[in-house]
Amino acid sequence: MALILDIPGAQKRLEQYANPILSAFAESGIATGEQITPPMIVDALRQLFTLLATEVASWDPALPDDEPERIGDLTIGLLMDLATWADRLGERQAKIALEMVTVSIAAWVCNQHGAIHTLEPIVNGLAILANSRVETDELRSLAQLMGQVKEAASADYATDLDGADPRRPWRILLLNWGITATRAQDPAEMRSAFAALLRHLPADAALFFQEGRQQVAQGDFPDEVRAVMEEAAEGAGRSLH
């Protein structure tokens, strides 16, 4: 199975994990009132995936230019809603799988040159994928996608002034991008990620590079990777004085 699923693969994963959610919901007896229920969400997602599986060039030309962006955001939002239901119903594996599906939708949005407005489930999914991989080629692909997601989300998140919340998705995305680029042993991607850290998270950058310097010194990393981390650590240290 590909690391980052294409739309048909992502839809297959959705169907696989939607079934236990639907079964658990049917057995739960939860009074939903005006809430949108899992069956409603799954039905809407199936319709959206049917659209996503078609070439955008074949869509109605009268649609606005940002329609792919809107469809992607709607899909990610509904996947997040279904993941919330999965968590509520005790279907932890389904929640994790749905967050991984949002990564595929994010990759699709990036390919369409659209903006990403709903970041949290994508960041969670990227972290799950990165934490489960050790091959440098796979980690490189993930790091590159993290960089693309960063660009696609910048319009909404780059100001990121809520420094009191260390769990905010934008911060986690940038830190994980730097970590994943380093684990991928990709100097060019490291430089891109480190520049973003210095620009957007200057308060976190110095400690990140200090810890990174220790990690690469102790691990089996190429000299060029060590040099990039050393350069970043020294540069961040000078900027504090």
Protein backbone atom coordinates (compact mmCIF):
# COMPACT_ATOMS: atom_id res chain seq x y z
CA MET A 1 0.00 0.00 0.00
CA ALA A 2 1.31 3.42 -0.91
CA LEU A 3 2.41 5.63 1.94
CA ILE A 4 0.04 8.44 1.01
CA LEU A 5 -3.06 6.91 -0.54
CA ASP A 6 -4.57 8.19 -3.77
CA ILE A 7 -8.25 9.07 -3.75
CA PRO A 8 -9.52 5.54 -4.56
CA GLY A 9 -7.22 4.09 -1.90
CA ALA A 10 -8.34 6.71 0.62
CA GLN A 11 -11.98 5.92 -0.15
CA LYS A 12 -11.31 2.21 0.39
CA ARG A 13 -9.80 2.99 3.80
CA LEU A 14 -12.82 5.19 4.60
CA GLU A 15 -15.23 2.37 3.79
CA GLN A 16 -13.19 -0.12 5.83
CA TYR A 17 -13.31 2.00 8.97
CA ALA A 18 -16.74 3.57 8.49
CA ASN A 19 -18.42 0.19 8.96
CA PRO A 20 -17.42 -0.32 12.61
CA ILE A 21 -18.41 3.27 13.37
CA LEU A 22 -21.83 2.77 11.82
CA SER A 23 -22.30 -0.51 13.69
CA ALA A 24 -21.22 1.01 17.01
CA PHE A 25 -23.53 3.97 16.47
CA ALA A 26 -26.49 1.73 15.63
CA GLU A 27 -25.91 -0.25 18.83
CA SER A 28 -25.27 2.78 21.03
CA GLY A 29 -28.80 4.11 21.32
CA ILE A 30 -27.40 7.65 21.54
CA ALA A 31 -30.10 10.30 21.32
CA THR A 32 -28.79 12.62 18.62
CA GLY A 33 -31.42 15.34 18.50
CA GLU A 34 -30.26 17.84 15.90
CA GLN A 35 -26.75 16.38 15.61
CA ILE A 36 -25.40 15.20 12.29
CA THR A 37 -25.15 11.43 12.67
CA PRO A 38 -22.50 9.02 11.36
CA PRO A 39 -24.79 7.62 8.63
CA MET A 40 -25.40 11.16 7.36
CA ILE A 41 -21.68 11.95 7.39
CA VAL A 42 -20.71 8.71 5.63
CA ASP A 43 -23.34 9.29 2.94
CA ALA A 44 -22.03 12.82 2.31
CA LEU A 45 -18.42 11.58 2.21
CA ARG A 46 -19.29 8.92 -0.34
CA GLN A 47 -20.73 11.58 -2.61
CA LEU A 48 -17.69 13.79 -2.16
CA PHE A 49 -15.27 10.96 -2.90
CA THR A 50 -17.16 10.20 -6.10
CA LEU A 51 -16.48 13.78 -7.14
CA LEU A 52 -12.87 13.74 -5.96
CA ALA A 53 -12.20 10.63 -8.03
CA THR A 54 -13.01 12.50 -11.26
CA GLU A 55 -10.62 14.82 -13.07
CA VAL A 56 -11.12 18.42 -11.99
CA ALA A 57 -10.88 19.43 -15.65
CA SER A 58 -14.15 17.56 -16.23
CA TRP A 59 -16.03 19.50 -13.54
CA ASP A 60 -18.64 22.06 -14.54
CA PRO A 61 -16.67 25.01 -16.00
CA ALA A 62 -19.20 27.40 -14.47
CA LEU A 63 -17.95 26.48 -10.98
CA PRO A 64 -15.66 29.04 -9.28
CA ASP A 65 -11.91 28.54 -9.53
CA ASP A 66 -11.66 27.71 -5.83
CA GLU A 67 -14.23 24.90 -5.99
CA PRO A 68 -11.58 22.15 -5.55
CA GLU A 69 -10.35 23.97 -2.44
CA ARG A 70 -13.91 24.19 -1.09
CA ILE A 71 -14.60 20.51 -1.79
CA GLY A 72 -11.34 19.48 -0.17
CA ASP A 73 -12.06 21.53 2.94
CA LEU A 74 -15.58 20.15 3.19
CA THR A 75 -14.26 16.60 2.91
CA ILE A 76 -11.61 17.16 5.57
CA GLY A 77 -14.19 18.74 7.87
CA LEU A 78 -16.58 15.80 7.51
CA LEU A 79 -13.74 13.31 8.08
CA MET A 80 -12.93 15.23 11.25
CA ASP A 81 -16.59 15.04 12.33
CA LEU A 82 -16.65 11.28 11.71
CA ALA A 83 -13.37 10.87 13.60
CA THR A 84 -14.96 12.70 16.56
CA TRP A 85 -17.84 10.23 16.47
CA ALA A 86 -15.37 7.33 16.28
CA ASP A 87 -13.65 8.60 19.42
CA ARG A 88 -16.98 9.05 21.18
CA LEU A 89 -18.00 5.49 20.27
CA GLY A 90 -14.70 3.98 21.40
CA GLU A 91 -13.51 3.17 17.86
CA ARG A 92 -9.96 4.41 18.37
CA GLN A 93 -8.46 2.66 15.35
CA ALA A 94 -11.13 4.13 13.11
CA LYS A 95 -10.33 7.63 14.40
CA ILE A 96 -6.64 7.14 13.59
CA ALA A 97 -7.46 5.78 10.13
CA LEU A 98 -9.72 8.71 9.32
CA GLU A 99 -7.00 11.19 10.29
CA MET A 100 -4.69 9.35 7.89
CA VAL A 101 -7.34 9.71 5.16
CA THR A 102 -7.28 13.49 5.65
CA VAL A 103 -3.61 13.40 4.62
CA SER A 104 -4.65 12.03 1.23
CA ILE A 105 -7.20 14.81 0.85
CA ALA A 106 -4.57 17.38 1.84
CA ALA A 107 -2.22 16.00 -0.83
CA TRP A 108 -5.05 16.28 -3.37
CA VAL A 109 -5.75 19.91 -2.37
CA CYS A 110 -2.04 20.74 -2.66
CA ASN A 111 -1.97 19.19 -6.13
CA GLN A 112 -4.85 21.47 -7.07
CA HIS A 113 -2.91 24.49 -5.72
CA GLY A 114 -5.66 25.14 -3.19
CA ALA A 115 -5.51 26.46 0.37
CA ILE A 116 -5.93 24.29 3.44
CA HIS A 117 -8.24 25.72 6.10
CA THR A 118 -8.72 22.76 8.49
CA LEU A 119 -5.31 21.75 9.76
CA GLU A 120 -5.61 19.70 12.96
CA PRO A 121 -6.62 16.27 11.56
CA ILE A 122 -4.04 16.56 8.77
CA VAL A 123 -1.27 17.29 11.27
CA ASN A 124 -2.41 14.33 13.38
CA GLY A 125 -2.45 12.05 10.34
CA LEU A 126 0.99 13.18 9.18
CA ALA A 127 2.39 12.55 12.66
CA ILE A 128 0.91 9.04 12.72
CA LEU A 129 2.47 8.24 9.35
CA ALA A 130 5.86 9.74 10.25
CA ASN A 131 6.04 7.95 13.59
CA SER A 132 5.39 4.59 11.91
CA ARG A 133 8.12 4.94 9.25
CA VAL A 134 11.89 4.46 9.31
CA GLU A 135 12.78 4.31 5.61
CA THR A 136 14.38 7.57 4.47
CA ASP A 137 12.56 7.60 1.11
CA GLU A 138 9.16 7.38 2.83
CA LEU A 139 10.16 9.99 5.38
CA ARG A 140 11.35 12.26 2.57
CA SER A 141 7.95 12.02 0.86
CA LEU A 142 6.23 12.88 4.13
CA ALA A 143 8.56 15.81 4.81
CA GLN A 144 7.92 17.18 1.34
CA LEU A 145 4.17 16.90 1.85
CA MET A 146 4.49 18.65 5.22
CA GLY A 147 6.19 21.52 3.42
CA GLN A 148 3.41 21.65 0.84
CA VAL A 149 0.76 21.60 3.58
CA LYS A 150 2.60 24.41 5.35
CA GLU A 151 2.43 26.53 2.18
CA ALA A 152 -1.24 25.67 1.58
CA ALA A 153 -2.18 26.56 5.18
CA SER A 154 -0.04 29.69 5.51
CA ALA A 155 -2.80 32.12 4.57
CA ASP A 156 -4.87 31.03 7.59
CA TYR A 157 -2.22 30.03 10.10
CA ALA A 158 1.08 31.82 9.48
CA THR A 159 0.37 34.61 11.99
CA ASP A 160 0.00 31.95 14.75
CA LEU A 161 0.00 34.37 17.64
CA ASP A 162 -1.39 31.97 20.25
CA GLY A 163 1.94 31.17 21.82
CA ALA A 164 0.24 30.02 25.03
CA ASP A 165 -0.98 26.81 23.37
CA PRO A 166 1.90 24.41 22.61
CA ARG A 167 -0.49 21.91 20.97
CA ARG A 168 -1.71 24.25 18.23
CA PRO A 169 -1.60 22.47 14.86
CA TRP A 170 0.57 25.04 13.07
CA ARG A 171 3.34 24.73 15.66
CA ILE A 172 3.22 20.94 15.62
CA LEU A 173 3.29 20.89 11.81
CA LEU A 174 6.45 23.00 11.62
CA LEU A 175 8.25 21.08 14.37
CA ASN A 176 7.31 17.73 12.83
CA TRP A 177 8.44 18.96 9.42
CA GLY A 178 11.87 19.73 10.85
CA ILE A 179 12.06 16.38 12.66
CA THR A 180 10.88 14.38 9.64
CA ALA A 181 13.24 16.16 7.24
CA THR A 182 16.11 15.34 9.60
CA ARG A 183 15.08 11.69 9.93
CA ALA A 184 14.85 11.58 6.13
CA GLN A 185 18.48 12.78 6.01
CA ASP A 186 17.54 15.33 3.37
CA PRO A 187 19.68 18.48 3.75
CA ALA A 188 17.64 20.56 1.29
CA GLU A 189 14.37 19.73 3.02
CA MET A 190 16.00 20.38 6.41
CA ARG A 191 17.04 23.86 5.31
CA SER A 192 13.50 24.64 4.14
CA ALA A 193 11.94 23.36 7.35
CA PHE A 194 14.50 25.11 9.55
CA ALA A 195 13.95 28.42 7.76
CA ALA A 196 10.22 28.09 8.44
CA LEU A 197 10.89 27.37 12.10
CA LEU A 198 13.09 30.44 12.45
CA ARG A 199 10.54 32.62 10.71
CA HIS A 200 7.33 31.41 12.32
CA LEU A 201 8.41 29.91 15.66
CA PRO A 202 11.52 31.86 16.73
CA ALA A 203 10.81 31.15 20.40
CA ASP A 204 10.94 27.39 19.77
CA ALA A 205 13.73 27.30 17.20
CA ALA A 206 16.80 27.58 19.46
CA LEU A 207 15.77 24.67 21.72
CA PHE A 208 14.75 22.62 18.69
CA PHE A 209 18.17 23.02 17.11
CA GLN A 210 20.02 22.37 20.37
CA GLU A 211 18.15 19.09 20.84
CA GLY A 212 18.57 18.28 17.15
CA ARG A 213 22.32 18.79 17.42
CA GLN A 214 22.47 16.25 20.25
CA GLN A 215 20.32 13.75 18.33
CA VAL A 216 22.37 13.83 15.13
CA ALA A 217 25.61 13.68 17.13
CA GLN A 218 24.47 10.45 18.78
CA GLY A 219 22.78 8.88 15.75
CA ASP A 220 23.93 7.42 12.45
CA PHE A 221 23.62 10.52 10.25
CA PRO A 222 25.67 11.60 7.22
CA ASP A 223 28.16 14.42 7.69
CA GLU A 224 26.08 16.80 5.55
CA VAL A 225 23.05 16.30 7.80
CA ARG A 226 25.19 16.97 10.86
CA ALA A 227 26.57 20.11 9.20
CA VAL A 228 23.11 21.50 8.40
CA MET A 229 21.93 20.94 11.98
CA GLU A 230 25.13 22.42 13.41
CA GLU A 231 24.78 25.48 11.21
CA ALA A 232 21.16 25.95 12.28
CA ALA A 233 22.00 25.56 15.97
CA GLU A 234 24.86 28.06 15.79
CA GLY A 235 22.75 30.53 13.81
CA ALA A 236 19.86 30.31 16.28
CA GLY A 237 22.29 30.75 19.18
CA ARG A 238 23.71 33.93 17.67
CA SER A 239 20.23 35.32 17.11
CA LEU A 240 19.57 35.16 20.86
CA HIS A 241 22.41 37.62 21.60
